[in-house]
Amino acid sequence: MSIVEERLATLEFYMELLLKQMDRSTFPWDYLIIKGKLSRREVQALYQLCEDLSKEMEKQKAEGFVTFSPLLIQFRQALPPQLPLEETIAALRTQGHYVQLMEAFQKLIKKK
């Protein structure tokens, strides 16, 4: 094992230890990012999707729509496979990311 690989393995070990200490009730989204080993690019892509879906939801609300199932489907399809849908929605909402969109998604899921 090279020095770089050893250092990387050590850092991964440290991250595992820190993850165990993380307050999941306060930072559930951050916890999911680390646990799911998401890259910065994956997280940024998800944020961009949420931004786009939020704008679309506002547009649809203005047009009189009351259900946003197609937006939830789009979100689910774009979600990295290591992120559970309901847990991700709750985590984003808890940490204050796209709250209105996540609340709309939670209402849709509860109806099913």
N, C-alpha and C. Protein backbone atom coordinates (compact mmCIF):
# COMPACT_ATOMS: atom_id res chain seq x y z
N MET A 1 0.86 -1.18 0.00
CA MET A 1 0.00 0.00 0.00
C MET A 1 0.91 1.24 0.00
N SER A 2 0.62 2.16 -0.88
CA SER A 2 1.42 3.38 -0.97
C SER A 2 1.11 4.32 0.19
N ILE A 3 1.96 5.30 0.36
CA ILE A 3 1.76 6.28 1.43
C ILE A 3 0.44 7.03 1.24
N VAL A 4 0.13 7.37 0.01
CA VAL A 4 -1.12 8.08 -0.28
C VAL A 4 -2.32 7.20 0.07
N GLU A 5 -2.25 5.93 -0.29
CA GLU A 5 -3.35 5.01 0.02
C GLU A 5 -3.51 4.82 1.53
N GLU A 6 -2.39 4.75 2.24
CA GLU A 6 -2.45 4.64 3.70
C GLU A 6 -3.09 5.87 4.32
N ARG A 7 -2.70 7.03 3.83
CA ARG A 7 -3.27 8.27 4.37
C ARG A 7 -4.76 8.35 4.07
N LEU A 8 -5.15 7.93 2.88
CA LEU A 8 -6.57 7.93 2.51
C LEU A 8 -7.34 6.97 3.41
N ALA A 9 -6.81 5.80 3.64
CA ALA A 9 -7.47 4.82 4.51
C ALA A 9 -7.60 5.36 5.93
N THR A 10 -6.57 6.05 6.40
CA THR A 10 -6.62 6.65 7.74
C THR A 10 -7.70 7.72 7.81
N LEU A 11 -7.77 8.57 6.79
CA LEU A 11 -8.80 9.61 6.76
C LEU A 11 -10.20 9.01 6.72
N GLU A 12 -10.38 7.95 5.95
CA GLU A 12 -11.68 7.28 5.90
C GLU A 12 -12.05 6.72 7.27
N PHE A 13 -11.08 6.16 7.96
CA PHE A 13 -11.31 5.64 9.31
C PHE A 13 -11.71 6.76 10.26
N TYR A 14 -11.01 7.88 10.19
CA TYR A 14 -11.34 9.03 11.03
C TYR A 14 -12.76 9.53 10.74
N MET A 15 -13.13 9.54 9.48
CA MET A 15 -14.48 9.98 9.10
C MET A 15 -15.53 9.04 9.68
N GLU A 16 -15.26 7.75 9.67
CA GLU A 16 -16.19 6.79 10.25
C GLU A 16 -16.38 7.06 11.74
N LEU A 17 -15.29 7.35 12.43
CA LEU A 17 -15.37 7.65 13.86
C LEU A 17 -16.15 8.94 14.12
N LEU A 18 -15.88 9.96 13.33
CA LEU A 18 -16.60 11.23 13.49
C LEU A 18 -18.08 11.08 13.16
N LEU A 19 -18.39 10.26 12.18
CA LEU A 19 -19.78 10.04 11.79
C LEU A 19 -20.58 9.46 12.96
N LYS A 20 -19.96 8.57 13.72
CA LYS A 20 -20.63 7.98 14.88
C LYS A 20 -20.96 9.02 15.94
N GLN A 21 -20.17 10.08 16.00
CA GLN A 21 -20.36 11.12 17.01
C GLN A 21 -21.30 12.23 16.56
N MET A 22 -21.64 12.24 15.30
CA MET A 22 -22.45 13.32 14.75
C MET A 22 -23.87 13.29 15.32
N ASP A 23 -24.40 14.44 15.62
CA ASP A 23 -25.77 14.57 16.13
C ASP A 23 -26.73 14.45 14.95
N ARG A 24 -27.29 13.27 14.80
CA ARG A 24 -28.17 13.01 13.66
C ARG A 24 -29.49 13.77 13.74
N SER A 25 -29.89 14.14 14.95
CA SER A 25 -31.16 14.88 15.06
C SER A 25 -31.00 16.32 14.60
N THR A 26 -29.81 16.88 14.73
CA THR A 26 -29.56 18.25 14.31
C THR A 26 -29.05 18.34 12.88
N PHE A 27 -28.26 17.36 12.47
CA PHE A 27 -27.64 17.38 11.14
C PHE A 27 -27.93 16.09 10.36
N PRO A 28 -29.20 15.75 10.17
CA PRO A 28 -29.49 14.48 9.49
C PRO A 28 -29.07 14.46 8.02
N TRP A 29 -29.14 15.60 7.36
CA TRP A 29 -28.76 15.65 5.95
C TRP A 29 -27.24 15.48 5.81
N ASP A 30 -26.49 16.18 6.64
CA ASP A 30 -25.03 16.03 6.61
C ASP A 30 -24.65 14.58 6.89
N TYR A 31 -25.35 13.96 7.83
CA TYR A 31 -25.09 12.56 8.16
C TYR A 31 -25.33 11.67 6.94
N LEU A 32 -26.44 11.89 6.24
CA LEU A 32 -26.73 11.07 5.06
C LEU A 32 -25.69 11.27 3.96
N ILE A 33 -25.23 12.49 3.79
CA ILE A 33 -24.20 12.77 2.78
C ILE A 33 -22.95 11.94 3.07
N ILE A 34 -22.52 11.98 4.32
CA ILE A 34 -21.30 11.26 4.69
C ILE A 34 -21.52 9.75 4.65
N LYS A 35 -22.62 9.30 5.24
CA LYS A 35 -22.92 7.87 5.28
C LYS A 35 -23.05 7.30 3.87
N GLY A 36 -23.68 8.06 2.98
CA GLY A 36 -23.87 7.62 1.61
C GLY A 36 -22.65 7.82 0.73
N LYS A 37 -21.61 8.43 1.29
CA LYS A 37 -20.37 8.70 0.56
C LYS A 37 -20.62 9.46 -0.74
N LEU A 38 -21.47 10.48 -0.63
CA LEU A 38 -21.79 11.30 -1.79
C LEU A 38 -20.65 12.25 -2.09
N SER A 39 -20.44 12.48 -3.35
CA SER A 39 -19.42 13.45 -3.76
C SER A 39 -20.02 14.86 -3.72
N ARG A 40 -19.15 15.83 -3.73
CA ARG A 40 -19.61 17.22 -3.78
C ARG A 40 -20.47 17.43 -5.02
N ARG A 41 -20.07 16.83 -6.13
CA ARG A 41 -20.81 16.97 -7.39
C ARG A 41 -22.23 16.39 -7.27
N GLU A 42 -22.35 15.23 -6.61
CA GLU A 42 -23.67 14.63 -6.43
C GLU A 42 -24.58 15.51 -5.57
N VAL A 43 -24.02 16.06 -4.52
CA VAL A 43 -24.80 16.93 -3.63
C VAL A 43 -25.21 18.20 -4.36
N GLN A 44 -24.29 18.79 -5.10
CA GLN A 44 -24.61 20.01 -5.86
C GLN A 44 -25.67 19.73 -6.92
N ALA A 45 -25.60 18.57 -7.56
CA ALA A 45 -26.61 18.20 -8.56
C ALA A 45 -27.98 18.05 -7.90
N LEU A 46 -28.00 17.48 -6.70
CA LEU A 46 -29.27 17.33 -5.98
C LEU A 46 -29.82 18.68 -5.56
N TYR A 47 -28.95 19.58 -5.11
CA TYR A 47 -29.39 20.93 -4.77
C TYR A 47 -29.95 21.65 -6.00
N GLN A 48 -29.31 21.49 -7.13
CA GLN A 48 -29.79 22.14 -8.36
C GLN A 48 -31.16 21.58 -8.74
N LEU A 49 -31.32 20.27 -8.63
CA LEU A 49 -32.61 19.65 -8.91
C LEU A 49 -33.68 20.21 -7.98
N CYS A 50 -33.37 20.30 -6.69
CA CYS A 50 -34.34 20.83 -5.72
C CYS A 50 -34.69 22.28 -6.03
N GLU A 51 -33.70 23.04 -6.45
CA GLU A 51 -33.94 24.44 -6.84
C GLU A 51 -34.91 24.49 -8.02
N ASP A 52 -34.65 23.67 -9.02
CA ASP A 52 -35.52 23.63 -10.21
C ASP A 52 -36.92 23.15 -9.85
N LEU A 53 -37.01 22.11 -9.02
CA LEU A 53 -38.32 21.60 -8.62
C LEU A 53 -39.08 22.60 -7.77
N SER A 54 -38.38 23.34 -6.94
CA SER A 54 -39.02 24.38 -6.12
C SER A 54 -39.63 25.46 -7.01
N LYS A 55 -38.88 25.88 -8.01
CA LYS A 55 -39.40 26.89 -8.95
C LYS A 55 -40.59 26.35 -9.72
N GLU A 56 -40.51 25.10 -10.14
CA GLU A 56 -41.62 24.49 -10.87
C GLU A 56 -42.85 24.36 -9.97
N MET A 57 -42.65 24.02 -8.71
CA MET A 57 -43.77 23.91 -7.78
C MET A 57 -44.46 25.27 -7.61
N GLU A 58 -43.68 26.33 -7.46
CA GLU A 58 -44.25 27.67 -7.32
C GLU A 58 -45.02 28.06 -8.58
N LYS A 59 -44.48 27.71 -9.72
CA LYS A 59 -45.15 27.99 -10.99
C LYS A 59 -46.48 27.23 -11.06
N GLN A 60 -46.44 25.96 -10.68
CA GLN A 60 -47.66 25.16 -10.71
C GLN A 60 -48.69 25.65 -9.70
N LYS A 61 -48.23 26.08 -8.54
CA LYS A 61 -49.16 26.64 -7.54
C LYS A 61 -49.87 27.85 -8.11
N ALA A 62 -49.13 28.71 -8.80
CA ALA A 62 -49.71 29.92 -9.39
C ALA A 62 -50.73 29.56 -10.46
N GLU A 63 -50.55 28.41 -11.09
CA GLU A 63 -51.49 27.95 -12.12
C GLU A 63 -52.65 27.16 -11.54
N GLY A 64 -52.66 26.99 -10.21
CA GLY A 64 -53.77 26.32 -9.56
C GLY A 64 -53.58 24.85 -9.25
N PHE A 65 -52.40 24.31 -9.49
CA PHE A 65 -52.15 22.91 -9.16
C PHE A 65 -52.15 22.73 -7.64
N VAL A 66 -52.62 21.58 -7.19
CA VAL A 66 -52.63 21.31 -5.75
C VAL A 66 -51.85 20.05 -5.39
N THR A 67 -51.49 19.25 -6.35
CA THR A 67 -50.69 18.06 -6.09
C THR A 67 -49.44 18.10 -6.96
N PHE A 68 -48.38 17.56 -6.42
CA PHE A 68 -47.09 17.68 -7.10
C PHE A 68 -46.42 16.32 -7.26
N SER A 69 -47.23 15.30 -7.53
CA SER A 69 -46.72 13.94 -7.70
C SER A 69 -45.63 13.83 -8.76
N PRO A 70 -45.80 14.47 -9.93
CA PRO A 70 -44.73 14.37 -10.94
C PRO A 70 -43.39 14.92 -10.45
N LEU A 71 -43.43 15.94 -9.59
CA LEU A 71 -42.19 16.49 -9.05
C LEU A 71 -41.54 15.50 -8.09
N LEU A 72 -42.35 14.83 -7.29
CA LEU A 72 -41.82 13.82 -6.37
C LEU A 72 -41.21 12.66 -7.15
N ILE A 73 -41.87 12.25 -8.21
CA ILE A 73 -41.34 11.17 -9.05
C ILE A 73 -39.99 11.57 -9.65
N GLN A 74 -39.92 12.79 -10.13
CA GLN A 74 -38.67 13.29 -10.70
C GLN A 74 -37.56 13.31 -9.64
N PHE A 75 -37.89 13.74 -8.44
CA PHE A 75 -36.93 13.77 -7.34
C PHE A 75 -36.46 12.35 -7.01
N ARG A 76 -37.40 11.43 -6.90
CA ARG A 76 -37.05 10.04 -6.57
C ARG A 76 -36.13 9.43 -7.62
N GLN A 77 -36.43 9.68 -8.88
CA GLN A 77 -35.62 9.11 -9.96
C GLN A 77 -34.20 9.67 -9.99
N ALA A 78 -34.03 10.90 -9.56
CA ALA A 78 -32.71 11.54 -9.59
C ALA A 78 -31.90 11.28 -8.32
N LEU A 79 -32.55 10.76 -7.30
CA LEU A 79 -31.90 10.55 -6.02
C LEU A 79 -30.84 9.45 -6.14
N PRO A 80 -29.63 9.70 -5.65
CA PRO A 80 -28.61 8.64 -5.66
C PRO A 80 -29.15 7.40 -4.95
N PRO A 81 -28.84 6.22 -5.44
CA PRO A 81 -29.44 4.99 -4.90
C PRO A 81 -29.16 4.73 -3.42
N GLN A 82 -28.08 5.29 -2.90
CA GLN A 82 -27.75 5.05 -1.49
C GLN A 82 -28.55 5.94 -0.53
N LEU A 83 -29.39 6.83 -1.08
CA LEU A 83 -30.21 7.70 -0.23
C LEU A 83 -31.66 7.22 -0.21
N PRO A 84 -32.17 6.84 0.96
CA PRO A 84 -33.58 6.46 1.06
C PRO A 84 -34.47 7.70 0.89
N LEU A 85 -35.52 7.55 0.12
CA LEU A 85 -36.38 8.68 -0.26
C LEU A 85 -36.92 9.44 0.95
N GLU A 86 -37.68 8.76 1.80
CA GLU A 86 -38.34 9.45 2.90
C GLU A 86 -37.35 10.04 3.90
N GLU A 87 -36.29 9.31 4.17
CA GLU A 87 -35.27 9.80 5.11
C GLU A 87 -34.57 11.04 4.55
N THR A 88 -34.33 11.03 3.25
CA THR A 88 -33.67 12.17 2.60
C THR A 88 -34.56 13.40 2.65
N ILE A 89 -35.83 13.23 2.35
CA ILE A 89 -36.77 14.35 2.38
C ILE A 89 -36.84 14.94 3.79
N ALA A 90 -36.98 14.07 4.79
CA ALA A 90 -37.05 14.55 6.18
C ALA A 90 -35.76 15.24 6.59
N ALA A 91 -34.62 14.70 6.17
CA ALA A 91 -33.33 15.28 6.54
C ALA A 91 -33.14 16.66 5.91
N LEU A 92 -33.47 16.78 4.64
CA LEU A 92 -33.35 18.08 3.98
C LEU A 92 -34.24 19.12 4.67
N ARG A 93 -35.46 18.72 4.97
CA ARG A 93 -36.40 19.63 5.64
C ARG A 93 -35.89 20.04 7.02
N THR A 94 -35.42 19.08 7.79
CA THR A 94 -34.94 19.36 9.14
C THR A 94 -33.79 20.36 9.13
N GLN A 95 -32.91 20.25 8.14
CA GLN A 95 -31.78 21.17 8.07
C GLN A 95 -32.10 22.45 7.31
N GLY A 96 -33.36 22.62 6.94
CA GLY A 96 -33.79 23.89 6.35
C GLY A 96 -33.54 24.03 4.86
N HIS A 97 -33.35 22.92 4.17
CA HIS A 97 -33.13 22.96 2.72
C HIS A 97 -34.46 22.71 1.99
N TYR A 98 -34.87 23.65 1.18
CA TYR A 98 -36.05 23.49 0.32
C TYR A 98 -37.27 23.02 1.13
N VAL A 99 -37.54 23.73 2.20
CA VAL A 99 -38.54 23.32 3.19
C VAL A 99 -39.92 23.15 2.56
N GLN A 100 -40.38 24.12 1.77
CA GLN A 100 -41.72 24.02 1.19
C GLN A 100 -41.83 22.82 0.26
N LEU A 101 -40.81 22.60 -0.54
CA LEU A 101 -40.81 21.45 -1.45
C LEU A 101 -40.82 20.15 -0.66
N MET A 102 -40.00 20.05 0.36
CA MET A 102 -39.92 18.82 1.15
C MET A 102 -41.22 18.58 1.92
N GLU A 103 -41.86 19.64 2.40
CA GLU A 103 -43.15 19.49 3.08
C GLU A 103 -44.21 18.98 2.11
N ALA A 104 -44.19 19.50 0.89
CA ALA A 104 -45.14 19.03 -0.13
C ALA A 104 -44.90 17.55 -0.43
N PHE A 105 -43.63 17.15 -0.51
CA PHE A 105 -43.31 15.74 -0.76
C PHE A 105 -43.76 14.87 0.41
N GLN A 106 -43.56 15.33 1.64
CA GLN A 106 -43.98 14.55 2.80
C GLN A 106 -45.49 14.36 2.82
N LYS A 107 -46.24 15.38 2.45
CA LYS A 107 -47.70 15.27 2.40
C LYS A 107 -48.12 14.24 1.36
N LEU A 108 -47.45 14.24 0.21
CA LEU A 108 -47.77 13.26 -0.83
C LEU A 108 -47.49 11.84 -0.36
N ILE A 109 -46.39 11.65 0.31
CA ILE A 109 -46.02 10.31 0.78
C ILE A 109 -47.00 9.83 1.84
N LYS A 110 -47.45 10.72 2.72
CA LYS A 110 -48.40 10.34 3.78
C LYS A 110 -49.74 9.92 3.19
N LYS A 111 -50.12 10.51 2.04
CA LYS A 111 -51.40 10.18 1.41
C LYS A 111 -51.42 8.76 0.86
N LYS A 112 -50.25 8.25 0.50
CA LYS A 112 -50.18 6.93 -0.14
C LYS A 112 -50.34 5.81 0.85
